[in-house]
């Protein structure tokens, strides 16, 4: 899936309810959240294009923001549900591709905790989809 396009309004309506950022916040302290739809499009661009975070097009929020949400969504299982809802059977291939990329990243001596746990979540998703 190298030709990526941003999600349509119809696709957004299907997945918006899965995103915890869109639920009402009790505590309004901290930095304001970046536009969740734009962040999702940035995350999907990286997943579908195979590009690196730092090469994301400028139309998306910062790659740090998108990567932070990617990790949070991976750890919570939201990302696998999003991919399955948006791409159906192709979600399995996307998850396998991300597993390979995350496995390479997890071998790095720095910041392996969150990446490694995200890799475990992706492994469990792929085994349940199979």
Protein backbone atom coordinates (compact mmCIF):
# COMPACT_ATOMS: atom_id res chain seq x y z
CA UNK A 1 0.00 0.00 0.00
CA UNK A 2 2.42 2.65 -1.14
CA UNK A 3 -0.11 5.10 -2.60
CA UNK A 4 -1.51 6.74 0.50
CA UNK A 5 -4.43 9.16 0.58
CA UNK A 6 -5.83 10.86 3.67
CA UNK A 7 -8.94 9.25 5.11
CA UNK A 8 -12.29 10.40 3.75
CA UNK A 9 -15.08 11.95 5.81
CA UNK A 10 -16.94 8.62 5.70
CA UNK A 11 -13.86 6.72 6.96
CA UNK A 12 -13.34 9.32 9.69
CA UNK A 13 -16.92 8.84 10.88
CA UNK A 14 -16.32 5.07 11.12
CA UNK A 15 -13.19 5.36 13.28
CA UNK A 16 -13.62 8.58 15.26
CA UNK A 17 -15.39 6.77 18.10
CA UNK A 18 -12.37 4.50 18.60
CA UNK A 19 -10.05 7.38 19.46
CA UNK A 20 -9.75 8.23 23.16
CA UNK A 21 -8.63 11.80 22.36
CA UNK A 22 -12.11 12.63 21.11
CA UNK A 23 -13.78 11.74 24.39
CA UNK A 24 -14.44 14.61 26.81
CA UNK A 25 -11.42 15.47 28.96
CA UNK A 26 -11.85 15.93 32.69
CA UNK A 27 -8.54 17.65 33.17
CA UNK A 28 -7.83 20.51 30.78
CA UNK A 29 -4.26 21.08 31.97
CA UNK A 30 -1.27 20.42 29.76
CA UNK A 31 -0.64 21.15 26.14
CA UNK A 32 -3.59 21.34 23.78
CA UNK A 33 -4.01 18.26 21.62
CA UNK A 34 -3.11 18.43 17.96
CA UNK A 35 -5.97 17.76 15.55
CA UNK A 36 -6.61 14.04 15.99
CA UNK A 37 -7.70 13.47 12.40
CA UNK A 38 -4.52 15.10 11.08
CA UNK A 39 -2.42 13.03 13.50
CA UNK A 40 -4.17 9.85 12.35
CA UNK A 41 -3.49 10.76 8.72
CA UNK A 42 0.18 11.29 9.58
CA UNK A 43 0.40 7.93 11.35
CA UNK A 44 -1.32 6.19 8.44
CA UNK A 45 1.05 7.91 6.01
CA UNK A 46 4.05 6.39 7.82
CA UNK A 47 2.42 2.95 8.03
CA UNK A 48 1.20 2.83 4.42
CA UNK A 49 4.13 4.55 2.72
CA UNK A 50 6.88 2.83 4.69
CA UNK A 51 8.46 6.24 5.22
CA UNK A 52 10.27 7.35 8.34
CA UNK A 53 8.67 9.65 10.89
CA UNK A 54 11.04 12.54 10.24
CA UNK A 55 10.19 12.48 6.51
CA UNK A 56 6.47 13.08 7.03
CA UNK A 57 4.97 15.76 4.76
CA UNK A 58 4.49 19.15 6.41
CA UNK A 59 0.72 18.98 6.04
CA UNK A 60 0.65 16.70 9.11
CA UNK A 61 1.41 17.67 12.72
CA UNK A 62 5.00 17.24 13.87
CA UNK A 63 6.46 13.78 13.50
CA UNK A 64 7.11 13.71 17.25
CA UNK A 65 3.41 14.24 17.95
CA UNK A 66 2.38 11.60 15.42
CA UNK A 67 4.93 9.12 16.75
CA UNK A 68 3.86 9.71 20.35
CA UNK A 69 0.22 9.02 19.45
CA UNK A 70 1.24 6.01 17.35
CA UNK A 71 2.97 4.49 20.39
CA UNK A 72 0.02 5.25 22.68
CA UNK A 73 -2.48 3.83 20.19
CA UNK A 74 -0.31 0.74 19.65
CA UNK A 75 0.01 0.07 23.37
CA UNK A 76 -3.72 0.48 23.99
CA UNK A 77 -4.81 -1.63 21.01
CA UNK A 78 -6.55 1.32 19.35
CA UNK A 79 -4.26 1.22 16.32
CA UNK A 80 -5.05 -2.38 15.44
CA UNK A 81 -8.79 -1.69 15.71
CA UNK A 82 -8.39 1.41 13.50
CA UNK A 83 -6.44 -0.48 10.86
CA UNK A 84 -8.94 -3.32 10.86
CA UNK A 85 -11.87 -0.91 10.53
CA UNK A 86 -10.23 1.08 7.72
CA UNK A 87 -8.47 -1.63 5.74
CA UNK A 88 -10.23 -4.90 6.62
CA UNK A 89 -8.20 -7.91 5.51
CA UNK A 90 -5.29 -5.70 4.41
CA UNK A 91 -4.84 -4.67 8.07
CA UNK A 92 -3.03 -7.94 8.72
CA UNK A 93 -0.38 -7.12 6.10
CA UNK A 94 0.03 -3.59 7.48
CA UNK A 95 0.46 -4.95 11.01
CA UNK A 96 3.04 -7.48 9.83
CA UNK A 97 4.95 -4.71 8.06
CA UNK A 98 4.88 -2.58 11.21
CA UNK A 99 6.06 -5.58 13.25
CA UNK A 100 9.15 -5.88 11.09
CA UNK A 101 9.88 -2.16 11.34
CA UNK A 102 9.28 -2.11 15.10
CA UNK A 103 11.44 -5.20 15.60
CA UNK A 104 14.34 -3.42 13.91
CA UNK A 105 13.74 -0.38 16.11
CA UNK A 106 13.46 -2.49 19.28
CA UNK A 107 16.99 -3.82 18.69
CA UNK A 108 18.29 -0.30 19.14
CA UNK A 109 19.88 0.17 22.59
CA UNK A 110 17.72 3.20 23.40
CA UNK A 111 14.01 3.53 24.19
CA UNK A 112 13.15 -0.13 23.76
CA UNK A 113 10.43 -0.31 26.42
CA UNK A 114 7.51 1.28 24.57
CA UNK A 115 8.57 0.00 21.17
CA UNK A 116 9.01 -3.53 22.47
CA UNK A 117 5.61 -3.52 24.17
CA UNK A 118 4.02 -2.13 20.99
CA UNK A 119 5.66 -4.95 19.07
CA UNK A 120 4.11 -7.49 21.45
CA UNK A 121 0.68 -5.94 20.90
CA UNK A 122 1.10 -6.06 17.13
CA UNK A 123 2.22 -9.72 17.41
CA UNK A 124 -0.89 -10.61 19.38
CA UNK A 125 -3.12 -8.81 16.86
CA UNK A 126 -1.58 -10.61 13.90
CA UNK A 127 -1.99 -13.98 15.61
CA UNK A 128 -5.67 -13.29 16.35
CA UNK A 129 -6.37 -12.11 12.78
CA UNK A 130 -4.70 -15.21 11.27
